[in-house]
Amino acid sequence: MPAPPVVVAQGPVTSSNAIVALVLAILSWPVCPVIFAIIALVFANKADKEIAAGQGRIGGSAFVLAAKILSWINIGLFAALTVLGLLALLFLTLAGVSGN
């Protein structure tokens, strides 16, 4: 009598969109801040939908969460620094005008 086939239990496959989202979110810090962060959010959204539709066969929700957190922090800091820079420019401009 032949031996029964060996069944190996496999965990869920990680979503490639989740991996791309996390890589882009990490790269958005040193390379191209806002652009890569926004693209990472798009891939994270796609990965969320893919994971939800996979009914447990597709994983990577932790990658998606990390990508979203990194991207939003990046966008928020960039926006805050932009506003501070504009305020500093306005202050310096007004100080220069009133100094004459």
C-alpha atoms as a PDB file:
ATOM      1  CA  MET A   1       0.000   0.000   0.000  1.00  0.00           C
ATOM      2  CA  PRO A   2       1.487   3.426  -0.978  1.00  0.00           C
ATOM      3  CA  ALA A   3       2.159   6.028   1.660  1.00  0.00           C
ATOM      4  CA  PRO A   4      -0.384   8.833   1.900  1.00  0.00           C
ATOM      5  CA  PRO A   5       0.679  12.129   0.355  1.00  0.00           C
ATOM      6  CA  VAL A   6       2.370  14.566   2.675  1.00  0.00           C
ATOM      7  CA  VAL A   7       0.353  17.719   3.167  1.00  0.00           C
ATOM      8  CA  VAL A   8       2.302  20.775   4.232  1.00  0.00           C
ATOM      9  CA  ALA A   9       0.267  23.556   5.784  1.00  0.00           C
ATOM     10  CA  GLN A  10       1.113  26.906   4.282  1.00  0.00           C
ATOM     11  CA  GLY A  11       0.377  30.282   5.805  1.00  0.00           C
ATOM     12  CA  PRO A  12      -1.133  33.132   3.899  1.00  0.00           C
ATOM     13  CA  VAL A  13       0.863  34.608   1.049  1.00  0.00           C
ATOM     14  CA  THR A  14       1.955  38.196   1.653  1.00  0.00           C
ATOM     15  CA  SER A  15       0.383  40.693  -0.704  1.00  0.00           C
ATOM     16  CA  SER A  16       2.894  42.100  -3.179  1.00  0.00           C
ATOM     17  CA  ASN A  17       1.042  45.432  -3.039  1.00  0.00           C
ATOM     18  CA  ALA A  18       1.628  45.525   0.720  1.00  0.00           C
ATOM     19  CA  ILE A  19       5.356  44.950   0.230  1.00  0.00           C
ATOM     20  CA  VAL A  20       5.564  47.638  -2.466  1.00  0.00           C
ATOM     21  CA  ALA A  21       3.625  50.057  -0.243  1.00  0.00           C
ATOM     22  CA  LEU A  22       6.028  49.521   2.658  1.00  0.00           C
ATOM     23  CA  VAL A  23       9.127  49.854   0.463  1.00  0.00           C
ATOM     24  CA  LEU A  24       7.803  53.083  -1.071  1.00  0.00           C
ATOM     25  CA  ALA A  25       6.876  54.450   2.357  1.00  0.00           C
ATOM     26  CA  ILE A  26      10.406  53.792   3.602  1.00  0.00           C
ATOM     27  CA  LEU A  27      11.966  55.264   0.454  1.00  0.00           C
ATOM     28  CA  SER A  28       9.787  58.353   0.756  1.00  0.00           C
ATOM     29  CA  TRP A  29      11.922  59.561   3.664  1.00  0.00           C
ATOM     30  CA  PRO A  30      15.332  59.887   1.984  1.00  0.00           C
ATOM     31  CA  VAL A  31      14.403  59.998  -1.701  1.00  0.00           C
ATOM     32  CA  CYS A  32      11.273  61.887  -2.687  1.00  0.00           C
ATOM     33  CA  PRO A  33       9.152  62.783   0.336  1.00  0.00           C
ATOM     34  CA  VAL A  34       5.608  63.506  -0.690  1.00  0.00           C
ATOM     35  CA  ILE A  35       5.447  61.765  -4.069  1.00  0.00           C
ATOM     36  CA  PHE A  36       6.578  58.337  -2.853  1.00  0.00           C
ATOM     37  CA  ALA A  37       4.423  58.682   0.273  1.00  0.00           C
ATOM     38  CA  ILE A  38       1.289  59.303  -1.799  1.00  0.00           C
ATOM     39  CA  ILE A  39       2.101  56.419  -4.132  1.00  0.00           C
ATOM     40  CA  ALA A  40       2.678  54.226  -1.056  1.00  0.00           C
ATOM     41  CA  LEU A  41      -0.795  55.144   0.208  1.00  0.00           C
ATOM     42  CA  VAL A  42      -2.305  54.138  -3.128  1.00  0.00           C
ATOM     43  CA  PHE A  43      -0.567  50.748  -3.001  1.00  0.00           C
ATOM     44  CA  ALA A  44      -1.577  50.335   0.656  1.00  0.00           C
ATOM     45  CA  ASN A  45      -5.209  50.923  -0.285  1.00  0.00           C
ATOM     46  CA  LYS A  46      -4.947  48.371  -3.091  1.00  0.00           C
ATOM     47  CA  ALA A  47      -3.344  45.895  -0.699  1.00  0.00           C
ATOM     48  CA  ASP A  48      -6.104  46.429   1.880  1.00  0.00           C
ATOM     49  CA  LYS A  49      -8.722  45.531  -0.713  1.00  0.00           C
ATOM     50  CA  GLU A  50      -6.673  42.561  -1.929  1.00  0.00           C
ATOM     51  CA  ILE A  51      -6.242  41.228   1.621  1.00  0.00           C
ATOM     52  CA  ALA A  52      -9.942  41.652   2.408  1.00  0.00           C
ATOM     53  CA  ALA A  53     -10.938  39.851  -0.792  1.00  0.00           C
ATOM     54  CA  GLY A  54      -8.438  37.040  -0.127  1.00  0.00           C
ATOM     55  CA  GLN A  55     -10.499  35.627   2.770  1.00  0.00           C
ATOM     56  CA  GLY A  56      -7.450  34.759   4.845  1.00  0.00           C
ATOM     57  CA  ARG A  57      -5.325  33.421   1.985  1.00  0.00           C
ATOM     58  CA  ILE A  58      -3.505  36.747   1.544  1.00  0.00           C
ATOM     59  CA  GLY A  59      -1.662  38.443   4.401  1.00  0.00           C
ATOM     60  CA  GLY A  60       0.357  41.580   4.848  1.00  0.00           C
ATOM     61  CA  SER A  61      -1.961  43.789   6.860  1.00  0.00           C
ATOM     62  CA  ALA A  62       0.911  44.695   9.215  1.00  0.00           C
ATOM     63  CA  PHE A  63       2.929  45.891   6.203  1.00  0.00           C
ATOM     64  CA  VAL A  64      -0.047  47.956   5.066  1.00  0.00           C
ATOM     65  CA  LEU A  65      -0.464  49.529   8.485  1.00  0.00           C
ATOM     66  CA  ALA A  66       3.239  50.367   8.716  1.00  0.00           C
ATOM     67  CA  ALA A  67       3.194  51.868   5.210  1.00  0.00           C
ATOM     68  CA  LYS A  68       0.190  54.044   6.051  1.00  0.00           C
ATOM     69  CA  ILE A  69       1.731  55.267   9.303  1.00  0.00           C
ATOM     70  CA  LEU A  70       5.097  56.077   7.693  1.00  0.00           C
ATOM     71  CA  SER A  71       3.452  57.791   4.724  1.00  0.00           C
ATOM     72  CA  TRP A  72       1.091  59.967   6.764  1.00  0.00           C
ATOM     73  CA  ILE A  73       3.847  60.993   9.167  1.00  0.00           C
ATOM     74  CA  ASN A  74       6.017  61.897   6.174  1.00  0.00           C
ATOM     75  CA  ILE A  75       3.253  63.939   4.543  1.00  0.00           C
ATOM     76  CA  GLY A  76       2.369  65.651   7.836  1.00  0.00           C
ATOM     77  CA  LEU A  77       5.956  66.608   8.607  1.00  0.00           C
ATOM     78  CA  PHE A  78       6.494  67.879   5.080  1.00  0.00           C
ATOM     79  CA  ALA A  79       3.329  69.990   5.314  1.00  0.00           C
ATOM     80  CA  ALA A  80       4.325  71.349   8.738  1.00  0.00           C
ATOM     81  CA  LEU A  81       7.829  72.225   7.552  1.00  0.00           C
ATOM     82  CA  THR A  82       6.407  73.900   4.462  1.00  0.00           C
ATOM     83  CA  VAL A  83       4.062  76.045   6.569  1.00  0.00           C
ATOM     84  CA  LEU A  84       6.883  76.927   8.985  1.00  0.00           C
ATOM     85  CA  GLY A  85       9.138  77.831   6.060  1.00  0.00           C
ATOM     86  CA  LEU A  86       6.488  80.068   4.548  1.00  0.00           C
ATOM     87  CA  LEU A  87       5.869  81.752   7.890  1.00  0.00           C
ATOM     88  CA  ALA A  88       9.603  82.310   8.342  1.00  0.00           C
ATOM     89  CA  LEU A  89       9.827  83.762   4.837  1.00  0.00           C
ATOM     90  CA  LEU A  90       6.873  86.044   5.544  1.00  0.00           C
ATOM     91  CA  PHE A  91       8.396  87.149   8.851  1.00  0.00           C
ATOM     92  CA  LEU A  92      11.793  87.815   7.271  1.00  0.00           C
ATOM     93  CA  THR A  93      10.180  89.706   4.421  1.00  0.00           C
ATOM     94  CA  LEU A  94       8.138  91.874   6.778  1.00  0.00           C
ATOM     95  CA  ALA A  95      11.153  92.428   9.035  1.00  0.00           C
ATOM     96  CA  GLY A  96      13.201  93.484   6.004  1.00  0.00           C
ATOM     97  CA  VAL A  97      10.543  95.913   4.818  1.00  0.00           C
ATOM     98  CA  SER A  98      10.062  97.520   8.224  1.00  0.00           C
ATOM     99  CA  GLY A  99      13.833  97.684   8.764  1.00  0.00           C
ATOM    100  CA  ASN A 100      14.275 100.188   5.899  1.00  0.00           C
END
